[in-house]
Amino acid sequence: MPKASEIKKNAAIEYNDGVYIIKDIERSVPQGRAGGSLYRMRMYNVVTGHKIDETFKDAEMLNLADLVRRPATFSYVDGNEYVFMDDEDYTPYNINKENISDQVPFITENTQGIYAIIVDDTPVGIDLPASVELEVTETEPSIKGASATSRNKPATLSTGLVIQVPEHISTGDMIKVNTEERKFMGRGDK
């Protein structure tokens, strides 16, 4: 049983007779308190989709839920659902767009390293790789002589995500993007 301070985003915990996926964690250190941080967690019930916000003390023990991570590949969009195909047995996993709304800007047909999160035989979310490669579809023209350490400019990527990139990046470039921080990491390999 991990402490609240050890829980990460996209973990599944058992809470109030249900299984919840942690979508966001905010840490705060109240003034005048001896010692402990507080962790405010936004959680979604994997069965009903019901959203709750709960605050836990850093040393509070939480039960991890029994979940399975299966390697999967994005297949297609069907209305409000994203369909992923299991890489090993080709089982389709339909996941509501609302459950993965923070991750949608990183999903393309070429995204490698996706894992479907399965709780009680129900697909409830996905784990993305630490970084993905996306194409820059729109940005200001690159400035000749701009170095990699100079100022940044906004760039729109192939999925619609807008991030800050160095001035030497131009439209059509493939770049690596950190999926956790939504930040430019470097040029892509392609």
C-alpha atoms as a PDB file:
ATOM      1  CA  MET A   1       0.000   0.000   0.000  1.00  0.00           C
ATOM      2  CA  PRO A   2       1.637   3.250  -1.108  1.00  0.00           C
ATOM      3  CA  LYS A   3       1.357   6.578   0.677  1.00  0.00           C
ATOM      4  CA  ALA A   4      -0.574   9.404  -0.981  1.00  0.00           C
ATOM      5  CA  SER A   5       2.761  11.137  -1.673  1.00  0.00           C
ATOM      6  CA  GLU A   6       3.871   8.136  -3.782  1.00  0.00           C
ATOM      7  CA  ILE A   7       0.803   8.038  -6.058  1.00  0.00           C
ATOM      8  CA  LYS A   8       1.314   9.192  -9.667  1.00  0.00           C
ATOM      9  CA  LYS A   9      -1.077  10.374 -12.375  1.00  0.00           C
ATOM     10  CA  ASN A  10      -3.001   7.586 -14.156  1.00  0.00           C
ATOM     11  CA  ALA A  11      -2.681   5.270 -11.146  1.00  0.00           C
ATOM     12  CA  ALA A  12      -5.795   3.314 -10.174  1.00  0.00           C
ATOM     13  CA  ILE A  13      -6.831   3.233  -6.531  1.00  0.00           C
ATOM     14  CA  GLU A  14      -9.652   1.646  -4.578  1.00  0.00           C
ATOM     15  CA  TYR A  15     -11.656   4.344  -2.805  1.00  0.00           C
ATOM     16  CA  ASN A  16     -15.216   4.425  -1.375  1.00  0.00           C
ATOM     17  CA  ASP A  17     -16.028   0.918  -2.686  1.00  0.00           C
ATOM     18  CA  GLY A  18     -15.027   1.867  -6.244  1.00  0.00           C
ATOM     19  CA  VAL A  19     -12.002   1.983  -8.505  1.00  0.00           C
ATOM     20  CA  TYR A  20     -10.776   5.439  -9.494  1.00  0.00           C
ATOM     21  CA  ILE A  21      -8.153   6.607 -11.976  1.00  0.00           C
ATOM     22  CA  ILE A  22      -6.102   9.601 -10.785  1.00  0.00           C
ATOM     23  CA  LYS A  23      -6.168  12.263 -13.510  1.00  0.00           C
ATOM     24  CA  ASP A  24      -4.552  15.215 -11.729  1.00  0.00           C
ATOM     25  CA  ILE A  25      -2.575  15.761  -8.536  1.00  0.00           C
ATOM     26  CA  GLU A  26      -1.906  19.103  -6.820  1.00  0.00           C
ATOM     27  CA  ARG A  27       0.520  19.203  -3.913  1.00  0.00           C
ATOM     28  CA  SER A  28       0.178  21.941  -1.303  1.00  0.00           C
ATOM     29  CA  VAL A  29       2.030  22.700   1.914  1.00  0.00           C
ATOM     30  CA  PRO A  30      -0.276  24.623   4.268  1.00  0.00           C
ATOM     31  CA  GLN A  31       1.473  27.243   6.397  1.00  0.00           C
ATOM     32  CA  GLY A  32       1.686  26.610  10.113  1.00  0.00           C
ATOM     33  CA  ARG A  33       1.189  22.857   9.853  1.00  0.00           C
ATOM     34  CA  ALA A  34       3.757  20.646  11.448  1.00  0.00           C
ATOM     35  CA  GLY A  35       5.170  18.555   8.684  1.00  0.00           C
ATOM     36  CA  GLY A  36       2.687  17.297   6.180  1.00  0.00           C
ATOM     37  CA  SER A  37       1.901  18.147   2.616  1.00  0.00           C
ATOM     38  CA  LEU A  38      -1.597  17.722   1.242  1.00  0.00           C
ATOM     39  CA  TYR A  39      -2.341  16.026  -2.075  1.00  0.00           C
ATOM     40  CA  ARG A  40      -5.531  17.063  -3.854  1.00  0.00           C
ATOM     41  CA  MET A  41      -6.426  14.404  -6.405  1.00  0.00           C
ATOM     42  CA  ARG A  42      -8.969  14.638  -9.210  1.00  0.00           C
ATOM     43  CA  MET A  43     -10.266  11.116  -9.742  1.00  0.00           C
ATOM     44  CA  TYR A  44     -12.688   9.438 -12.158  1.00  0.00           C
ATOM     45  CA  ASN A  45     -14.682   6.337 -11.316  1.00  0.00           C
ATOM     46  CA  VAL A  46     -13.734   3.744 -13.941  1.00  0.00           C
ATOM     47  CA  VAL A  47     -17.261   2.329 -14.159  1.00  0.00           C
ATOM     48  CA  THR A  48     -19.514   5.394 -13.983  1.00  0.00           C
ATOM     49  CA  GLY A  49     -17.087   8.127 -15.115  1.00  0.00           C
ATOM     50  CA  HIS A  50     -18.153  10.144 -12.034  1.00  0.00           C
ATOM     51  CA  LYS A  51     -15.539  12.774 -11.146  1.00  0.00           C
ATOM     52  CA  ILE A  52     -14.527  13.586  -7.563  1.00  0.00           C
ATOM     53  CA  ASP A  53     -11.834  15.690  -5.920  1.00  0.00           C
ATOM     54  CA  GLU A  54     -10.336  14.366  -2.690  1.00  0.00           C
ATOM     55  CA  THR A  55      -7.519  15.620  -0.480  1.00  0.00           C
ATOM     56  CA  PHE A  56      -5.163  13.208   1.254  1.00  0.00           C
ATOM     57  CA  LYS A  57      -2.385  13.767   3.796  1.00  0.00           C
ATOM     58  CA  ASP A  58       1.042  12.793   2.489  1.00  0.00           C
ATOM     59  CA  ALA A  59       1.403   9.775   4.810  1.00  0.00           C
ATOM     60  CA  GLU A  60      -2.150   8.508   4.272  1.00  0.00           C
ATOM     61  CA  MET A  61      -2.138   4.952   2.907  1.00  0.00           C
ATOM     62  CA  LEU A  62      -4.099   4.201  -0.293  1.00  0.00           C
ATOM     63  CA  ASN A  63      -4.957   0.859  -1.896  1.00  0.00           C
ATOM     64  CA  LEU A  64      -3.840   0.404  -5.477  1.00  0.00           C
ATOM     65  CA  ALA A  65      -6.513  -1.218  -7.635  1.00  0.00           C
ATOM     66  CA  ASP A  66      -5.895  -4.349  -9.626  1.00  0.00           C
ATOM     67  CA  LEU A  67      -5.351  -3.175 -13.177  1.00  0.00           C
ATOM     68  CA  VAL A  68      -3.730  -4.527 -16.304  1.00  0.00           C
ATOM     69  CA  ARG A  69      -1.690  -2.555 -18.828  1.00  0.00           C
ATOM     70  CA  ARG A  70      -1.818  -4.019 -22.342  1.00  0.00           C
ATOM     71  CA  PRO A  71       0.298  -2.802 -25.293  1.00  0.00           C
ATOM     72  CA  ALA A  72      -2.054  -1.245 -27.828  1.00  0.00           C
ATOM     73  CA  THR A  73      -2.096   0.777 -31.028  1.00  0.00           C
ATOM     74  CA  PHE A  74      -4.506   3.587 -31.913  1.00  0.00           C
ATOM     75  CA  SER A  75      -6.854   2.340 -34.620  1.00  0.00           C
ATOM     76  CA  TYR A  76      -9.642   4.864 -35.317  1.00  0.00           C
ATOM     77  CA  VAL A  77     -12.228   7.250 -33.856  1.00  0.00           C
ATOM     78  CA  ASP A  78     -15.837   6.057 -33.620  1.00  0.00           C
ATOM     79  CA  GLY A  79     -18.049   8.984 -32.581  1.00  0.00           C
ATOM     80  CA  ASN A  80     -17.024   9.902 -29.022  1.00  0.00           C
ATOM     81  CA  GLU A  81     -14.850   6.821 -28.610  1.00  0.00           C
ATOM     82  CA  TYR A  82     -11.237   6.180 -29.499  1.00  0.00           C
ATOM     83  CA  VAL A  83     -10.603   2.586 -30.532  1.00  0.00           C
ATOM     84  CA  PHE A  84      -7.256   0.978 -29.700  1.00  0.00           C
ATOM     85  CA  MET A  85      -6.203  -2.493 -30.861  1.00  0.00           C
ATOM     86  CA  ASP A  86      -4.340  -4.852 -28.504  1.00  0.00           C
ATOM     87  CA  ASP A  87      -0.885  -5.492 -30.015  1.00  0.00           C
ATOM     88  CA  GLU A  88      -0.871  -9.160 -28.972  1.00  0.00           C
ATOM     89  CA  ASP A  89      -4.385 -10.589 -29.369  1.00  0.00           C
ATOM     90  CA  TYR A  90      -6.043  -7.802 -31.469  1.00  0.00           C
ATOM     91  CA  THR A  91      -8.809  -7.152 -28.929  1.00  0.00           C
ATOM     92  CA  PRO A  92     -10.401  -3.750 -29.624  1.00  0.00           C
ATOM     93  CA  TYR A  93     -10.554  -1.349 -26.663  1.00  0.00           C
ATOM     94  CA  ASN A  94     -13.160   1.409 -26.945  1.00  0.00           C
ATOM     95  CA  ILE A  95     -12.367   4.328 -24.639  1.00  0.00           C
ATOM     96  CA  ASN A  96     -14.583   7.400 -24.265  1.00  0.00           C
ATOM     97  CA  LYS A  97     -12.866  10.558 -25.530  1.00  0.00           C
ATOM     98  CA  GLU A  98     -13.752  12.352 -22.276  1.00  0.00           C
ATOM     99  CA  ASN A  99     -11.713   9.824 -20.241  1.00  0.00           C
ATOM    100  CA  ILE A 100      -8.565  10.529 -22.253  1.00  0.00           C
ATOM    101  CA  SER A 101      -9.135  14.189 -23.201  1.00  0.00           C
ATOM    102  CA  ASP A 102      -5.729  15.273 -21.821  1.00  0.00           C
ATOM    103  CA  GLN A 103      -3.980  12.628 -23.917  1.00  0.00           C
ATOM    104  CA  VAL A 104      -5.833  13.044 -27.228  1.00  0.00           C
ATOM    105  CA  PRO A 105      -3.414  15.751 -28.532  1.00  0.00           C
ATOM    106  CA  PHE A 106      -0.598  13.158 -28.474  1.00  0.00           C
ATOM    107  CA  ILE A 107      -2.387  10.338 -30.300  1.00  0.00           C
ATOM    108  CA  THR A 108      -1.695   9.706 -33.980  1.00  0.00           C
ATOM    109  CA  GLU A 109      -1.792   6.581 -36.133  1.00  0.00           C
ATOM    110  CA  ASN A 110       2.001   6.359 -35.735  1.00  0.00           C
ATOM    111  CA  THR A 111       2.199   6.763 -31.940  1.00  0.00           C
ATOM    112  CA  GLN A 112       4.234   3.869 -30.527  1.00  0.00           C
ATOM    113  CA  GLY A 113       4.344   2.715 -26.895  1.00  0.00           C
ATOM    114  CA  ILE A 114       0.688   3.196 -25.898  1.00  0.00           C
ATOM    115  CA  TYR A 115      -0.723   0.960 -23.168  1.00  0.00           C
ATOM    116  CA  ALA A 116      -4.441   0.400 -22.614  1.00  0.00           C
ATOM    117  CA  ILE A 117      -5.392   0.383 -18.925  1.00  0.00           C
ATOM    118  CA  ILE A 118      -7.872  -2.401 -18.145  1.00  0.00           C
ATOM    119  CA  VAL A 119      -9.769  -2.643 -14.820  1.00  0.00           C
ATOM    120  CA  ASP A 120     -12.178  -5.555 -14.314  1.00  0.00           C
ATOM    121  CA  ASP A 121     -12.030  -6.382 -18.055  1.00  0.00           C
ATOM    122  CA  THR A 122     -13.099  -2.818 -18.934  1.00  0.00           C
ATOM    123  CA  PRO A 123     -10.762  -0.423 -20.795  1.00  0.00           C
ATOM    124  CA  VAL A 124     -10.665   2.774 -18.718  1.00  0.00           C
ATOM    125  CA  GLY A 125      -7.746   4.796 -20.074  1.00  0.00           C
ATOM    126  CA  ILE A 126      -4.346   4.774 -21.723  1.00  0.00           C
ATOM    127  CA  ASP A 127      -0.741   5.325 -20.739  1.00  0.00           C
ATOM    128  CA  LEU A 128       1.265   7.325 -23.247  1.00  0.00           C
ATOM    129  CA  PRO A 129       4.993   6.997 -23.803  1.00  0.00           C
ATOM    130  CA  ALA A 130       7.178   9.675 -22.158  1.00  0.00           C
ATOM    131  CA  SER A 131       7.568  11.434 -25.508  1.00  0.00           C
ATOM    132  CA  VAL A 132       5.956  11.358 -28.940  1.00  0.00           C
ATOM    133  CA  GLU A 133       7.002  12.688 -32.333  1.00  0.00           C
ATOM    134  CA  LEU A 134       4.628  15.144 -33.988  1.00  0.00           C
ATOM    135  CA  GLU A 135       4.851  17.285 -37.112  1.00  0.00           C
ATOM    136  CA  VAL A 136       4.841  21.085 -36.913  1.00  0.00           C
ATOM    137  CA  THR A 137       1.976  22.181 -39.191  1.00  0.00           C
ATOM    138  CA  GLU A 138       2.091  25.914 -38.538  1.00  0.00           C
ATOM    139  CA  THR A 139       4.620  28.293 -37.035  1.00  0.00           C
ATOM    140  CA  GLU A 140       6.315  31.561 -37.874  1.00  0.00           C
ATOM    141  CA  PRO A 141       9.154  31.224 -40.396  1.00  0.00           C
ATOM    142  CA  SER A 142      12.457  30.106 -38.907  1.00  0.00           C
ATOM    143  CA  ILE A 143      15.026  32.836 -38.404  1.00  0.00           C
ATOM    144  CA  LYS A 144      18.334  32.272 -40.153  1.00  0.00           C
ATOM    145  CA  GLY A 145      21.116  31.976 -37.635  1.00  0.00           C
ATOM    146  CA  ALA A 146      18.775  31.321 -34.699  1.00  0.00           C
ATOM    147  CA  SER A 147      20.437  29.008 -32.247  1.00  0.00           C
ATOM    148  CA  ALA A 148      18.826  26.197 -30.290  1.00  0.00           C
ATOM    149  CA  THR A 149      19.120  28.224 -27.093  1.00  0.00           C
ATOM    150  CA  SER A 150      17.411  31.392 -28.316  1.00  0.00           C
ATOM    151  CA  ARG A 151      13.846  32.585 -27.771  1.00  0.00           C
ATOM    152  CA  ASN A 152      10.743  30.477 -28.300  1.00  0.00           C
ATOM    153  CA  LYS A 153       7.710  30.887 -30.553  1.00  0.00           C
ATOM    154  CA  PRO A 154       4.320  29.117 -30.666  1.00  0.00           C
ATOM    155  CA  ALA A 155       3.892  26.166 -33.032  1.00  0.00           C
ATOM    156  CA  THR A 156       0.739  24.234 -33.963  1.00  0.00           C
ATOM    157  CA  LEU A 157       1.333  20.497 -34.265  1.00  0.00           C
ATOM    158  CA  SER A 158      -0.412  17.905 -36.463  1.00  0.00           C
ATOM    159  CA  THR A 159      -2.875  17.004 -33.679  1.00  0.00           C
ATOM    160  CA  GLY A 160      -3.854  20.635 -32.983  1.00  0.00           C
ATOM    161  CA  LEU A 161      -1.686  20.946 -29.863  1.00  0.00           C
ATOM    162  CA  VAL A 162       0.091  24.323 -29.543  1.00  0.00           C
ATOM    163  CA  ILE A 163       3.442  24.408 -27.743  1.00  0.00           C
ATOM    164  CA  GLN A 164       6.468  26.704 -27.546  1.00  0.00           C
ATOM    165  CA  VAL A 165       9.409  25.743 -29.800  1.00  0.00           C
ATOM    166  CA  PRO A 166      12.823  27.334 -30.484  1.00  0.00           C
ATOM    167  CA  GLU A 167      13.013  29.851 -33.323  1.00  0.00           C
ATOM    168  CA  HIS A 168      15.027  27.506 -35.587  1.00  0.00           C
ATOM    169  CA  ILE A 169      12.069  25.062 -35.888  1.00  0.00           C
ATOM    170  CA  SER A 170       9.985  25.511 -39.040  1.00  0.00           C
ATOM    171  CA  THR A 171       6.754  24.188 -40.541  1.00  0.00           C
ATOM    172  CA  GLY A 172       7.088  20.556 -41.631  1.00  0.00           C
ATOM    173  CA  ASP A 173       9.705  19.629 -38.998  1.00  0.00           C
ATOM    174  CA  MET A 174       9.191  16.542 -36.853  1.00  0.00           C
ATOM    175  CA  ILE A 175       9.742  17.270 -33.155  1.00  0.00           C
ATOM    176  CA  LYS A 176       9.727  15.281 -29.907  1.00  0.00           C
ATOM    177  CA  VAL A 177       7.196  16.449 -27.318  1.00  0.00           C
ATOM    178  CA  ASN A 178       7.176  15.489 -23.623  1.00  0.00           C
ATOM    179  CA  THR A 179       3.685  14.069 -23.019  1.00  0.00           C
ATOM    180  CA  GLU A 180       3.667  14.841 -19.285  1.00  0.00           C
ATOM    181  CA  GLU A 181       4.827  18.478 -19.442  1.00  0.00           C
ATOM    182  CA  ARG A 182       3.629  19.276 -22.995  1.00  0.00           C
ATOM    183  CA  LYS A 183       7.031  20.736 -23.834  1.00  0.00           C
ATOM    184  CA  PHE A 184       9.434  20.641 -26.784  1.00  0.00           C
ATOM    185  CA  MET A 185      12.244  18.123 -26.241  1.00  0.00           C
ATOM    186  CA  GLY A 186      14.161  18.263 -29.521  1.00  0.00           C
ATOM    187  CA  ARG A 187      13.995  17.394 -33.205  1.00  0.00           C
ATOM    188  CA  GLY A 188      12.397  14.121 -34.181  1.00  0.00           C
ATOM    189  CA  ASP A 189      14.259  11.194 -35.691  1.00  0.00           C
ATOM    190  CA  LYS A 190      12.319  11.212 -38.962  1.00  0.00           C
END
